[in-house]
Amino acid sequence: MNRIDWKRKLTSRKLWVALAGFIAGLIVAFGGSSETAETVSGCILSGAAVIGYMVGEGLADSAGSGNGSSAGGESRRED
């Protein structure tokens, strides 16, 4: 059975743009204003940027944790 790569899916710009467009279309279709649809779309895309940043930083931190780096990005030297 294949596993879904959720990290990759949640950082996909295509996914977030499609989701924002779909929800904005629903808002307008059900009588909402275009201003409301634009605001909701903006909120969704802003949230996507935050999620992408968090996942990216988490991946970078986990990759860096195995090479002896400290949290400040400098390697430790023991004399």
PDB file of N, CA and C in Angstrom:
ATOM      1  N   MET A   1       0.847  -1.180   0.000  1.00  0.00           N
ATOM      2  CA  MET A   1       0.000   0.000   0.000  1.00  0.00           C
ATOM      3  C   MET A   1       0.894   1.246   0.000  1.00  0.00           C
ATOM      4  N   ASN A   2       0.611   2.208  -0.853  1.00  0.00           N
ATOM      5  CA  ASN A   2       1.386   3.436  -0.938  1.00  0.00           C
ATOM      6  C   ASN A   2       0.950   4.408   0.142  1.00  0.00           C
ATOM      7  N   ARG A   3       1.934   5.075   0.738  1.00  0.00           N
ATOM      8  CA  ARG A   3       1.649   6.095   1.749  1.00  0.00           C
ATOM      9  C   ARG A   3       1.587   7.453   1.085  1.00  0.00           C
ATOM     10  N   ILE A   4       0.749   8.320   1.599  1.00  0.00           N
ATOM     11  CA  ILE A   4       0.626   9.678   1.076  1.00  0.00           C
ATOM     12  C   ILE A   4       1.687  10.547   1.734  1.00  0.00           C
ATOM     13  N   ASP A   5       2.407  11.313   0.932  1.00  0.00           N
ATOM     14  CA  ASP A   5       3.436  12.223   1.435  1.00  0.00           C
ATOM     15  C   ASP A   5       2.764  13.554   1.781  1.00  0.00           C
ATOM     16  N   TRP A   6       2.259  13.653   3.015  1.00  0.00           N
ATOM     17  CA  TRP A   6       1.496  14.834   3.429  1.00  0.00           C
ATOM     18  C   TRP A   6       2.351  16.088   3.470  1.00  0.00           C
ATOM     19  N   LYS A   7       3.617  15.976   3.826  1.00  0.00           N
ATOM     20  CA  LYS A   7       4.487  17.150   3.850  1.00  0.00           C
ATOM     21  C   LYS A   7       4.565  17.776   2.463  1.00  0.00           C
ATOM     22  N   ARG A   8       4.730  16.927   1.474  1.00  0.00           N
ATOM     23  CA  ARG A   8       4.835  17.426   0.096  1.00  0.00           C
ATOM     24  C   ARG A   8       3.511  18.020  -0.368  1.00  0.00           C
ATOM     25  N   LYS A   9       2.413  17.354  -0.037  1.00  0.00           N
ATOM     26  CA  LYS A   9       1.107  17.849  -0.470  1.00  0.00           C
ATOM     27  C   LYS A   9       0.765  19.181   0.184  1.00  0.00           C
ATOM     28  N   LEU A  10       1.039  19.313   1.484  1.00  0.00           N
ATOM     29  CA  LEU A  10       0.679  20.537   2.196  1.00  0.00           C
ATOM     30  C   LEU A  10       1.553  21.731   1.818  1.00  0.00           C
ATOM     31  N   THR A  11       2.690  21.492   1.216  1.00  0.00           N
ATOM     32  CA  THR A  11       3.534  22.597   0.772  1.00  0.00           C
ATOM     33  C   THR A  11       3.371  22.879  -0.724  1.00  0.00           C
ATOM     34  N   SER A  12       2.443  22.225  -1.370  1.00  0.00           N
ATOM     35  CA  SER A  12       2.208  22.429  -2.797  1.00  0.00           C
ATOM     36  C   SER A  12       1.439  23.733  -3.032  1.00  0.00           C
ATOM     37  N   ARG A  13       2.039  24.637  -3.785  1.00  0.00           N
ATOM     38  CA  ARG A  13       1.354  25.892  -4.112  1.00  0.00           C
ATOM     39  C   ARG A  13       0.120  25.637  -4.966  1.00  0.00           C
ATOM     40  N   LYS A  14       0.194  24.639  -5.819  1.00  0.00           N
ATOM     41  CA  LYS A  14      -0.954  24.306  -6.673  1.00  0.00           C
ATOM     42  C   LYS A  14      -2.160  23.916  -5.834  1.00  0.00           C
ATOM     43  N   LEU A  15      -1.934  23.131  -4.794  1.00  0.00           N
ATOM     44  CA  LEU A  15      -3.027  22.729  -3.907  1.00  0.00           C
ATOM     45  C   LEU A  15      -3.689  23.947  -3.269  1.00  0.00           C
ATOM     46  N   TRP A  16      -2.898  24.851  -2.723  1.00  0.00           N
ATOM     47  CA  TRP A  16      -3.456  26.000  -2.010  1.00  0.00           C
ATOM     48  C   TRP A  16      -4.152  26.983  -2.949  1.00  0.00           C
ATOM     49  N   VAL A  17      -3.608  27.188  -4.131  1.00  0.00           N
ATOM     50  CA  VAL A  17      -4.265  28.074  -5.104  1.00  0.00           C
ATOM     51  C   VAL A  17      -5.587  27.454  -5.550  1.00  0.00           C
ATOM     52  N   ALA A  18      -5.591  26.149  -5.796  1.00  0.00           N
ATOM     53  CA  ALA A  18      -6.831  25.470  -6.193  1.00  0.00           C
ATOM     54  C   ALA A  18      -7.868  25.541  -5.080  1.00  0.00           C
ATOM     55  N   LEU A  19      -7.441  25.330  -3.841  1.00  0.00           N
ATOM     56  CA  LEU A  19      -8.358  25.388  -2.708  1.00  0.00           C
ATOM     57  C   LEU A  19      -8.926  26.797  -2.521  1.00  0.00           C
ATOM     58  N   ALA A  20      -8.064  27.810  -2.621  1.00  0.00           N
ATOM     59  CA  ALA A  20      -8.524  29.190  -2.490  1.00  0.00           C
ATOM     60  C   ALA A  20      -9.512  29.541  -3.598  1.00  0.00           C
ATOM     61  N   GLY A  21      -9.222  29.133  -4.820  1.00  0.00           N
ATOM     62  CA  GLY A  21     -10.123  29.402  -5.939  1.00  0.00           C
ATOM     63  C   GLY A  21     -11.452  28.698  -5.786  1.00  0.00           C
ATOM     64  N   PHE A  22     -11.423  27.463  -5.327  1.00  0.00           N
ATOM     65  CA  PHE A  22     -12.649  26.693  -5.125  1.00  0.00           C
ATOM     66  C   PHE A  22     -13.535  27.338  -4.058  1.00  0.00           C
ATOM     67  N   ILE A  23     -12.931  27.691  -2.945  1.00  0.00           N
ATOM     68  CA  ILE A  23     -13.709  28.288  -1.858  1.00  0.00           C
ATOM     69  C   ILE A  23     -14.224  29.671  -2.247  1.00  0.00           C
ATOM     70  N   ALA A  24     -13.406  30.462  -2.941  1.00  0.00           N
ATOM     71  CA  ALA A  24     -13.866  31.778  -3.403  1.00  0.00           C
ATOM     72  C   ALA A  24     -15.043  31.625  -4.362  1.00  0.00           C
ATOM     73  N   GLY A  25     -14.965  30.634  -5.233  1.00  0.00           N
ATOM     74  CA  GLY A  25     -16.079  30.378  -6.152  1.00  0.00           C
ATOM     75  C   GLY A  25     -17.345  29.988  -5.413  1.00  0.00           C
ATOM     76  N   LEU A  26     -17.210  29.179  -4.383  1.00  0.00           N
ATOM     77  CA  LEU A  26     -18.380  28.799  -3.585  1.00  0.00           C
ATOM     78  C   LEU A  26     -18.992  29.998  -2.872  1.00  0.00           C
ATOM     79  N   ILE A  27     -18.144  30.871  -2.355  1.00  0.00           N
ATOM     80  CA  ILE A  27     -18.657  32.066  -1.664  1.00  0.00           C
ATOM     81  C   ILE A  27     -19.493  32.907  -2.612  1.00  0.00           C
ATOM     82  N   VAL A  28     -18.981  33.155  -3.795  1.00  0.00           N
ATOM     83  CA  VAL A  28     -19.704  33.965  -4.784  1.00  0.00           C
ATOM     84  C   VAL A  28     -20.951  33.237  -5.260  1.00  0.00           C
ATOM     85  N   ALA A  29     -20.859  31.931  -5.475  1.00  0.00           N
ATOM     86  CA  ALA A  29     -22.005  31.158  -5.965  1.00  0.00           C
ATOM     87  C   ALA A  29     -23.162  31.157  -4.970  1.00  0.00           C
ATOM     88  N   PHE A  30     -22.844  31.227  -3.692  1.00  0.00           N
ATOM     89  CA  PHE A  30     -23.899  31.205  -2.684  1.00  0.00           C
ATOM     90  C   PHE A  30     -24.267  32.592  -2.176  1.00  0.00           C
ATOM     91  N   GLY A  31     -23.943  33.619  -2.972  1.00  0.00           N
ATOM     92  CA  GLY A  31     -24.429  34.963  -2.682  1.00  0.00           C
ATOM     93  C   GLY A  31     -23.480  35.861  -1.924  1.00  0.00           C
ATOM     94  N   GLY A  32     -22.290  35.415  -1.665  1.00  0.00           N
ATOM     95  CA  GLY A  32     -21.319  36.269  -0.979  1.00  0.00           C
ATOM     96  C   GLY A  32     -20.751  37.301  -1.932  1.00  0.00           C
ATOM     97  N   SER A  33     -20.175  38.342  -1.362  1.00  0.00           N
ATOM     98  CA  SER A  33     -19.602  39.395  -2.203  1.00  0.00           C
ATOM     99  C   SER A  33     -18.226  38.984  -2.704  1.00  0.00           C
ATOM    100  N   SER A  34     -17.797  39.626  -3.764  1.00  0.00           N
ATOM    101  CA  SER A  34     -16.464  39.324  -4.296  1.00  0.00           C
ATOM    102  C   SER A  34     -15.383  39.786  -3.322  1.00  0.00           C
ATOM    103  N   GLU A  35     -15.672  40.844  -2.552  1.00  0.00           N
ATOM    104  CA  GLU A  35     -14.714  41.305  -1.550  1.00  0.00           C
ATOM    105  C   GLU A  35     -14.484  40.238  -0.479  1.00  0.00           C
ATOM    106  N   THR A  36     -15.567  39.584  -0.064  1.00  0.00           N
ATOM    107  CA  THR A  36     -15.449  38.507   0.920  1.00  0.00           C
ATOM    108  C   THR A  36     -14.648  37.345   0.338  1.00  0.00           C
ATOM    109  N   ALA A  37     -14.928  37.011  -0.913  1.00  0.00           N
ATOM    110  CA  ALA A  37     -14.201  35.917  -1.567  1.00  0.00           C
ATOM    111  C   ALA A  37     -12.714  36.243  -1.661  1.00  0.00           C
ATOM    112  N   GLU A  38     -12.384  37.485  -1.984  1.00  0.00           N
ATOM    113  CA  GLU A  38     -10.977  37.894  -2.062  1.00  0.00           C
ATOM    114  C   GLU A  38     -10.304  37.828  -0.699  1.00  0.00           C
ATOM    115  N   THR A  39     -11.014  38.256   0.334  1.00  0.00           N
ATOM    116  CA  THR A  39     -10.458  38.216   1.690  1.00  0.00           C
ATOM    117  C   THR A  39     -10.198  36.789   2.137  1.00  0.00           C
ATOM    118  N   VAL A  40     -11.159  35.904   1.899  1.00  0.00           N
ATOM    119  CA  VAL A  40     -10.997  34.502   2.283  1.00  0.00           C
ATOM    120  C   VAL A  40      -9.850  33.867   1.501  1.00  0.00           C
ATOM    121  N   SER A  41      -9.772  34.148   0.211  1.00  0.00           N
ATOM    122  CA  SER A  41      -8.675  33.605  -0.605  1.00  0.00           C
ATOM    123  C   SER A  41      -7.325  34.086  -0.089  1.00  0.00           C
ATOM    124  N   GLY A  42      -7.259  35.354   0.256  1.00  0.00           N
ATOM    125  CA  GLY A  42      -6.013  35.896   0.801  1.00  0.00           C
ATOM    126  C   GLY A  42      -5.618  35.234   2.105  1.00  0.00           C
ATOM    127  N   CYS A  43      -6.605  34.982   2.951  1.00  0.00           N
ATOM    128  CA  CYS A  43      -6.331  34.301   4.229  1.00  0.00           C
ATOM    129  C   CYS A  43      -5.833  32.873   3.997  1.00  0.00           C
ATOM    130  N   ILE A  44      -6.439  32.173   3.058  1.00  0.00           N
ATOM    131  CA  ILE A  44      -6.019  30.807   2.756  1.00  0.00           C
ATOM    132  C   ILE A  44      -4.585  30.796   2.244  1.00  0.00           C
ATOM    133  N   LEU A  45      -4.257  31.693   1.329  1.00  0.00           N
ATOM    134  CA  LEU A  45      -2.909  31.719   0.767  1.00  0.00           C
ATOM    135  C   LEU A  45      -1.879  32.179   1.794  1.00  0.00           C
ATOM    136  N   SER A  46      -2.262  33.079   2.697  1.00  0.00           N
ATOM    137  CA  SER A  46      -1.352  33.481   3.770  1.00  0.00           C
ATOM    138  C   SER A  46      -1.082  32.307   4.702  1.00  0.00           C
ATOM    139  N   GLY A  47      -2.124  31.568   5.009  1.00  0.00           N
ATOM    140  CA  GLY A  47      -1.955  30.372   5.843  1.00  0.00           C
ATOM    141  C   GLY A  47      -1.069  29.348   5.167  1.00  0.00           C
ATOM    142  N   ALA A  48      -1.206  29.215   3.863  1.00  0.00           N
ATOM    143  CA  ALA A  48      -0.374  28.270   3.111  1.00  0.00           C
ATOM    144  C   ALA A  48       1.092  28.674   3.180  1.00  0.00           C
ATOM    145  N   ALA A  49       1.359  29.974   3.135  1.00  0.00           N
ATOM    146  CA  ALA A  49       2.737  30.447   3.231  1.00  0.00           C
ATOM    147  C   ALA A  49       3.333  30.090   4.590  1.00  0.00           C
ATOM    148  N   VAL A  50       2.546  30.254   5.639  1.00  0.00           N
ATOM    149  CA  VAL A  50       3.018  29.920   6.991  1.00  0.00           C
ATOM    150  C   VAL A  50       3.268  28.414   7.114  1.00  0.00           C
ATOM    151  N   ILE A  51       2.335  27.616   6.612  1.00  0.00           N
ATOM    152  CA  ILE A  51       2.498  26.159   6.674  1.00  0.00           C
ATOM    153  C   ILE A  51       3.740  25.725   5.884  1.00  0.00           C
ATOM    154  N   GLY A  52       3.913  26.284   4.701  1.00  0.00           N
ATOM    155  CA  GLY A  52       5.090  25.954   3.887  1.00  0.00           C
ATOM    156  C   GLY A  52       6.382  26.319   4.596  1.00  0.00           C
ATOM    157  N   TYR A  53       6.400  27.467   5.241  1.00  0.00           N
ATOM    158  CA  TYR A  53       7.593  27.893   5.975  1.00  0.00           C
ATOM    159  C   TYR A  53       7.873  26.951   7.142  1.00  0.00           C
ATOM    160  N   MET A  54       6.841  26.612   7.903  1.00  0.00           N
ATOM    161  CA  MET A  54       7.025  25.734   9.057  1.00  0.00           C
ATOM    162  C   MET A  54       7.521  24.352   8.641  1.00  0.00           C
ATOM    163  N   VAL A  55       6.930  23.793   7.606  1.00  0.00           N
ATOM    164  CA  VAL A  55       7.360  22.471   7.140  1.00  0.00           C
ATOM    165  C   VAL A  55       8.788  22.540   6.605  1.00  0.00           C
ATOM    166  N   GLY A  56       9.085  23.571   5.837  1.00  0.00           N
ATOM    167  CA  GLY A  56      10.434  23.732   5.294  1.00  0.00           C
ATOM    168  C   GLY A  56      11.480  23.884   6.387  1.00  0.00           C
ATOM    169  N   GLU A  57      11.191  24.687   7.396  1.00  0.00           N
ATOM    170  CA  GLU A  57      12.124  24.856   8.509  1.00  0.00           C
ATOM    171  C   GLU A  57      12.268  23.565   9.305  1.00  0.00           C
ATOM    172  N   GLY A  58      11.176  22.849   9.477  1.00  0.00           N
ATOM    173  CA  GLY A  58      11.247  21.570  10.181  1.00  0.00           C
ATOM    174  C   GLY A  58      12.118  20.573   9.447  1.00  0.00           C
ATOM    175  N   LEU A  59      11.980  20.522   8.135  1.00  0.00           N
ATOM    176  CA  LEU A  59      12.814  19.616   7.343  1.00  0.00           C
ATOM    177  C   LEU A  59      14.281  20.024   7.395  1.00  0.00           C
ATOM    178  N   ALA A  60      14.530  21.322   7.331  1.00  0.00           N
ATOM    179  CA  ALA A  60      15.909  21.809   7.405  1.00  0.00           C
ATOM    180  C   ALA A  60      16.520  21.518   8.778  1.00  0.00           C
ATOM    181  N   ASP A  61      15.734  21.716   9.830  1.00  0.00           N
ATOM    182  CA  ASP A  61      16.224  21.434  11.179  1.00  0.00           C
ATOM    183  C   ASP A  61      16.505  19.951  11.369  1.00  0.00           C
ATOM    184  N   SER A  62      15.616  19.116  10.865  1.00  0.00           N
ATOM    185  CA  SER A  62      15.827  17.673  11.037  1.00  0.00           C
ATOM    186  C   SER A  62      17.019  17.190  10.220  1.00  0.00           C
ATOM    187  N   ALA A  63      17.250  17.786   9.072  1.00  0.00           N
ATOM    188  CA  ALA A  63      18.404  17.409   8.260  1.00  0.00           C
ATOM    189  C   ALA A  63      19.701  17.883   8.911  1.00  0.00           C
ATOM    190  N   GLY A  64      19.650  19.033   9.565  1.00  0.00           N
ATOM    191  CA  GLY A  64      20.841  19.579  10.201  1.00  0.00           C
ATOM    192  C   GLY A  64      21.161  18.962  11.543  1.00  0.00           C
ATOM    193  N   SER A  65      20.212  18.270  12.150  1.00  0.00           N
ATOM    194  CA  SER A  65      20.442  17.729  13.492  1.00  0.00           C
ATOM    195  C   SER A  65      21.408  16.554  13.491  1.00  0.00           C
ATOM    196  N   GLY A  66      21.596  15.912  12.377  1.00  0.00           N
ATOM    197  CA  GLY A  66      22.470  14.749  12.322  1.00  0.00           C
ATOM    198  C   GLY A  66      23.922  15.070  12.031  1.00  0.00           C
ATOM    199  N   ASN A  67      24.244  16.359  11.773  1.00  0.00           N
ATOM    200  CA  ASN A  67      25.629  16.671  11.394  1.00  0.00           C
ATOM    201  C   ASN A  67      26.418  17.386  12.483  1.00  0.00           C
ATOM    202  N   GLY A  68      25.894  17.390  13.709  1.00  0.00           N
ATOM    203  CA  GLY A  68      26.631  17.985  14.807  1.00  0.00           C
ATOM    204  C   GLY A  68      26.488  19.484  14.919  1.00  0.00           C
ATOM    205  N   SER A  69      25.531  20.068  14.229  1.00  0.00           N
ATOM    206  CA  SER A  69      25.316  21.502  14.292  1.00  0.00           C
ATOM    207  C   SER A  69      24.534  21.858  15.535  1.00  0.00           C
ATOM    208  N   SER A  70      24.807  23.024  16.070  1.00  0.00           N
ATOM    209  CA  SER A  70      24.018  23.528  17.180  1.00  0.00           C
ATOM    210  C   SER A  70      22.831  24.283  16.623  1.00  0.00           C
ATOM    211  N   ALA A  71      21.929  24.728  17.497  1.00  0.00           N
ATOM    212  CA  ALA A  71      20.725  25.427  17.047  1.00  0.00           C
ATOM    213  C   ALA A  71      21.054  26.743  16.373  1.00  0.00           C
ATOM    214  N   GLY A  72      22.182  27.354  16.709  1.00  0.00           N
ATOM    215  CA  GLY A  72      22.557  28.625  16.125  1.00  0.00           C
ATOM    216  C   GLY A  72      23.154  28.507  14.743  1.00  0.00           C
ATOM    217  N   GLY A  73      23.317  27.311  14.240  1.00  0.00           N
ATOM    218  CA  GLY A  73      23.846  27.121  12.908  1.00  0.00           C
ATOM    219  C   GLY A  73      25.354  26.978  12.865  1.00  0.00           C
ATOM    220  N   GLU A  74      26.019  27.141  14.016  1.00  0.00           N
ATOM    221  CA  GLU A  74      27.457  26.993  14.048  1.00  0.00           C
ATOM    222  C   GLU A  74      27.800  25.597  14.527  1.00  0.00           C
ATOM    223  N   SER A  75      28.819  25.017  13.947  1.00  0.00           N
ATOM    224  CA  SER A  75      29.207  23.678  14.385  1.00  0.00           C
ATOM    225  C   SER A  75      29.993  23.793  15.692  1.00  0.00           C
ATOM    226  N   ARG A  76      29.823  22.799  16.528  1.00  0.00           N
ATOM    227  CA  ARG A  76      30.509  22.790  17.826  1.00  0.00           C
ATOM    228  C   ARG A  76      31.885  22.159  17.670  1.00  0.00           C
ATOM    229  N   ARG A  77      32.825  22.717  18.374  1.00  0.00           N
ATOM    230  CA  ARG A  77      34.176  22.161  18.408  1.00  0.00           C
ATOM    231  C   ARG A  77      34.540  21.878  19.838  1.00  0.00           C
ATOM    232  N   GLU A  78      35.002  20.721  20.072  1.00  0.00           N
ATOM    233  CA  GLU A  78      35.469  20.400  21.412  1.00  0.00           C
ATOM    234  C   GLU A  78      36.978  20.293  21.362  1.00  0.00           C
ATOM    235  N   ASP A  79      37.636  21.117  22.166  1.00  0.00           N
ATOM    236  CA  ASP A  79      39.096  21.117  22.209  1.00  0.00           C
ATOM    237  C   ASP A  79      39.609  20.277  23.341  1.00  0.00           C
TER     238      ASP A  79
END
